[in-house]
Amino acid sequence: MAILIGVAVLFFGAKRIPELARSLGLAKGEYEMAVSEVRSPSEAERDMDRGGMTEDVADEAE
């Protein structure tokens, strides 16, 4: 780990390390948000599960 940090400091310079870490954190957050959007069903998929009915109509049909 220390070797990796040392190489990063030599390659990018000490001033850019916080900027790079911030960018990596933002990218990770965007990635996780996109993955959660893909895994959760969309509104259209939920409508199809209800037979194309809106939630109010589906509740009345039951």
N, C-alpha and C. Protein backbone atom coordinates (compact mmCIF):
# COMPACT_ATOMS: atom_id res chain seq x y z
N MET A 1 0.83 -1.19 0.00
CA MET A 1 0.00 0.00 0.00
C MET A 1 0.88 1.25 0.00
N ALA A 2 1.90 1.26 0.83
CA ALA A 2 2.79 2.42 0.91
C ALA A 2 3.51 2.63 -0.42
N ILE A 3 3.85 1.55 -1.08
CA ILE A 3 4.53 1.67 -2.38
C ILE A 3 3.59 2.31 -3.40
N LEU A 4 2.33 1.90 -3.38
CA LEU A 4 1.34 2.46 -4.30
C LEU A 4 1.16 3.96 -4.07
N ILE A 5 1.09 4.36 -2.82
CA ILE A 5 0.96 5.79 -2.49
C ILE A 5 2.20 6.55 -2.94
N GLY A 6 3.37 5.97 -2.71
CA GLY A 6 4.61 6.61 -3.13
C GLY A 6 4.69 6.78 -4.64
N VAL A 7 4.28 5.78 -5.37
CA VAL A 7 4.28 5.87 -6.84
C VAL A 7 3.28 6.93 -7.29
N ALA A 8 2.11 6.98 -6.65
CA ALA A 8 1.10 7.98 -7.01
C ALA A 8 1.62 9.39 -6.77
N VAL A 9 2.30 9.60 -5.65
CA VAL A 9 2.86 10.93 -5.35
C VAL A 9 3.93 11.30 -6.38
N LEU A 10 4.77 10.36 -6.74
CA LEU A 10 5.80 10.64 -7.74
C LEU A 10 5.19 10.91 -9.12
N PHE A 11 4.18 10.15 -9.47
CA PHE A 11 3.58 10.26 -10.80
C PHE A 11 2.71 11.51 -10.95
N PHE A 12 1.86 11.79 -9.96
CA PHE A 12 0.91 12.89 -10.05
C PHE A 12 1.33 14.14 -9.29
N GLY A 13 2.16 14.00 -8.30
CA GLY A 13 2.53 15.13 -7.45
C GLY A 13 1.61 15.19 -6.24
N ALA A 14 2.14 15.69 -5.14
CA ALA A 14 1.40 15.69 -3.87
C ALA A 14 0.16 16.59 -3.92
N LYS A 15 0.20 17.63 -4.73
CA LYS A 15 -0.93 18.57 -4.77
C LYS A 15 -2.15 17.99 -5.49
N ARG A 16 -1.95 17.05 -6.41
CA ARG A 16 -3.07 16.52 -7.18
C ARG A 16 -3.71 15.29 -6.53
N ILE A 17 -3.10 14.70 -5.52
CA ILE A 17 -3.64 13.49 -4.90
C ILE A 17 -5.04 13.74 -4.32
N PRO A 18 -5.29 14.81 -3.54
CA PRO A 18 -6.65 15.03 -3.04
C PRO A 18 -7.68 15.22 -4.16
N GLU A 19 -7.27 15.90 -5.21
CA GLU A 19 -8.17 16.10 -6.36
C GLU A 19 -8.52 14.77 -7.02
N LEU A 20 -7.52 13.92 -7.18
CA LEU A 20 -7.76 12.60 -7.78
C LEU A 20 -8.64 11.74 -6.88
N ALA A 21 -8.41 11.79 -5.58
CA ALA A 21 -9.22 11.01 -4.64
C ALA A 21 -10.68 11.48 -4.68
N ARG A 22 -10.88 12.78 -4.74
CA ARG A 22 -12.24 13.33 -4.82
C ARG A 22 -12.92 12.88 -6.11
N SER A 23 -12.20 12.93 -7.22
CA SER A 23 -12.76 12.50 -8.50
C SER A 23 -13.11 11.02 -8.49
N LEU A 24 -12.24 10.21 -7.90
CA LEU A 24 -12.53 8.78 -7.81
C LEU A 24 -13.76 8.53 -6.94
N GLY A 25 -13.89 9.27 -5.85
CA GLY A 25 -15.06 9.12 -4.98
C GLY A 25 -16.35 9.50 -5.68
N LEU A 26 -16.33 10.59 -6.44
CA LEU A 26 -17.51 11.00 -7.20
C LEU A 26 -17.87 9.97 -8.27
N ALA A 27 -16.86 9.45 -8.95
CA ALA A 27 -17.10 8.44 -9.98
C ALA A 27 -17.69 7.18 -9.37
N LYS A 28 -17.18 6.79 -8.20
CA LYS A 28 -17.71 5.60 -7.53
C LYS A 28 -19.17 5.81 -7.14
N GLY A 29 -19.49 7.00 -6.64
CA GLY A 29 -20.87 7.31 -6.26
C GLY A 29 -21.81 7.27 -7.45
N GLU A 30 -21.38 7.83 -8.59
CA GLU A 30 -22.20 7.80 -9.80
C GLU A 30 -22.39 6.37 -10.28
N TYR A 31 -21.34 5.56 -10.21
CA TYR A 31 -21.42 4.16 -10.62
C TYR A 31 -22.42 3.41 -9.75
N GLU A 32 -22.33 3.59 -8.43
CA GLU A 32 -23.24 2.89 -7.53
C GLU A 32 -24.68 3.33 -7.75
N MET A 33 -24.90 4.62 -8.04
CA MET A 33 -26.25 5.11 -8.30
C MET A 33 -26.80 4.49 -9.58
N ALA A 34 -25.96 4.39 -10.61
CA ALA A 34 -26.40 3.79 -11.86
C ALA A 34 -26.72 2.31 -11.68
N VAL A 35 -25.91 1.61 -10.91
CA VAL A 35 -26.16 0.19 -10.66
C VAL A 35 -27.47 0.01 -9.91
N SER A 36 -27.75 0.87 -8.93
CA SER A 36 -29.00 0.73 -8.17
C SER A 36 -30.20 1.05 -9.05
N GLU A 37 -30.06 1.98 -10.01
CA GLU A 37 -31.16 2.28 -10.93
C GLU A 37 -31.44 1.09 -11.84
N VAL A 38 -30.39 0.40 -12.26
CA VAL A 38 -30.57 -0.76 -13.14
C VAL A 38 -31.22 -1.90 -12.38
N ARG A 39 -30.85 -2.08 -11.13
CA ARG A 39 -31.38 -3.20 -10.35
C ARG A 39 -32.81 -2.99 -9.88
N SER A 40 -33.22 -1.75 -9.63
CA SER A 40 -34.57 -1.50 -9.16
C SER A 40 -35.51 -1.40 -10.36
N PRO A 41 -36.72 -1.91 -10.22
CA PRO A 41 -37.64 -1.86 -11.36
C PRO A 41 -38.08 -0.43 -11.65
N SER A 42 -38.22 -0.12 -12.92
CA SER A 42 -38.64 1.21 -13.31
C SER A 42 -40.15 1.34 -13.15
N GLU A 43 -40.65 2.55 -13.27
CA GLU A 43 -42.10 2.79 -13.16
C GLU A 43 -42.84 2.04 -14.26
N ALA A 44 -42.28 1.99 -15.46
CA ALA A 44 -42.92 1.27 -16.57
C ALA A 44 -43.00 -0.22 -16.28
N GLU A 45 -41.94 -0.79 -15.69
CA GLU A 45 -41.96 -2.20 -15.35
C GLU A 45 -43.00 -2.49 -14.28
N ARG A 46 -43.13 -1.60 -13.31
CA ARG A 46 -44.15 -1.79 -12.28
C ARG A 46 -45.55 -1.69 -12.87
N ASP A 47 -45.74 -0.81 -13.85
CA ASP A 47 -47.03 -0.72 -14.53
C ASP A 47 -47.35 -2.00 -15.28
N MET A 48 -46.34 -2.59 -15.93
CA MET A 48 -46.56 -3.84 -16.65
C MET A 48 -46.92 -4.96 -15.69
N ASP A 49 -46.33 -4.96 -14.50
CA ASP A 49 -46.67 -5.97 -13.51
C ASP A 49 -48.12 -5.85 -13.06
N ARG A 50 -48.66 -4.63 -13.13
CA ARG A 50 -50.05 -4.40 -12.75
C ARG A 50 -50.98 -4.52 -13.95
N GLY A 51 -50.49 -5.02 -15.05
CA GLY A 51 -51.31 -5.15 -16.25
C GLY A 51 -51.51 -3.85 -16.98
N GLY A 52 -50.58 -2.92 -16.85
CA GLY A 52 -50.67 -1.63 -17.53
C GLY A 52 -51.52 -0.62 -16.80
N MET A 53 -52.00 -0.96 -15.62
CA MET A 53 -52.85 -0.04 -14.85
C MET A 53 -52.00 0.80 -13.93
N THR A 54 -52.47 2.00 -13.64
CA THR A 54 -51.79 2.82 -12.65
C THR A 54 -52.04 2.22 -11.28
N GLU A 55 -51.30 2.70 -10.31
CA GLU A 55 -51.40 2.14 -8.96
C GLU A 55 -52.81 2.31 -8.38
N ASP A 56 -53.44 3.47 -8.61
CA ASP A 56 -54.78 3.71 -8.08
C ASP A 56 -55.79 2.75 -8.68
N VAL A 57 -55.73 2.56 -9.98
CA VAL A 57 -56.66 1.66 -10.66
C VAL A 57 -56.41 0.22 -10.25
N ALA A 58 -55.14 -0.16 -10.10
CA ALA A 58 -54.82 -1.52 -9.69
C ALA A 58 -55.35 -1.80 -8.29
N ASP A 59 -55.29 -0.81 -7.39
CA ASP A 59 -55.82 -0.99 -6.04
C ASP A 59 -57.34 -1.16 -6.08
N GLU A 60 -58.02 -0.40 -6.95
CA GLU A 60 -59.47 -0.52 -7.06
C GLU A 60 -59.87 -1.84 -7.68
N ALA A 61 -59.05 -2.38 -8.59
CA ALA A 61 -59.37 -3.64 -9.26
C ALA A 61 -59.27 -4.82 -8.30
N GLU A 62 -58.47 -4.68 -7.27
CA GLU A 62 -58.31 -5.79 -6.32
C GLU A 62 -59.47 -5.79 -5.40
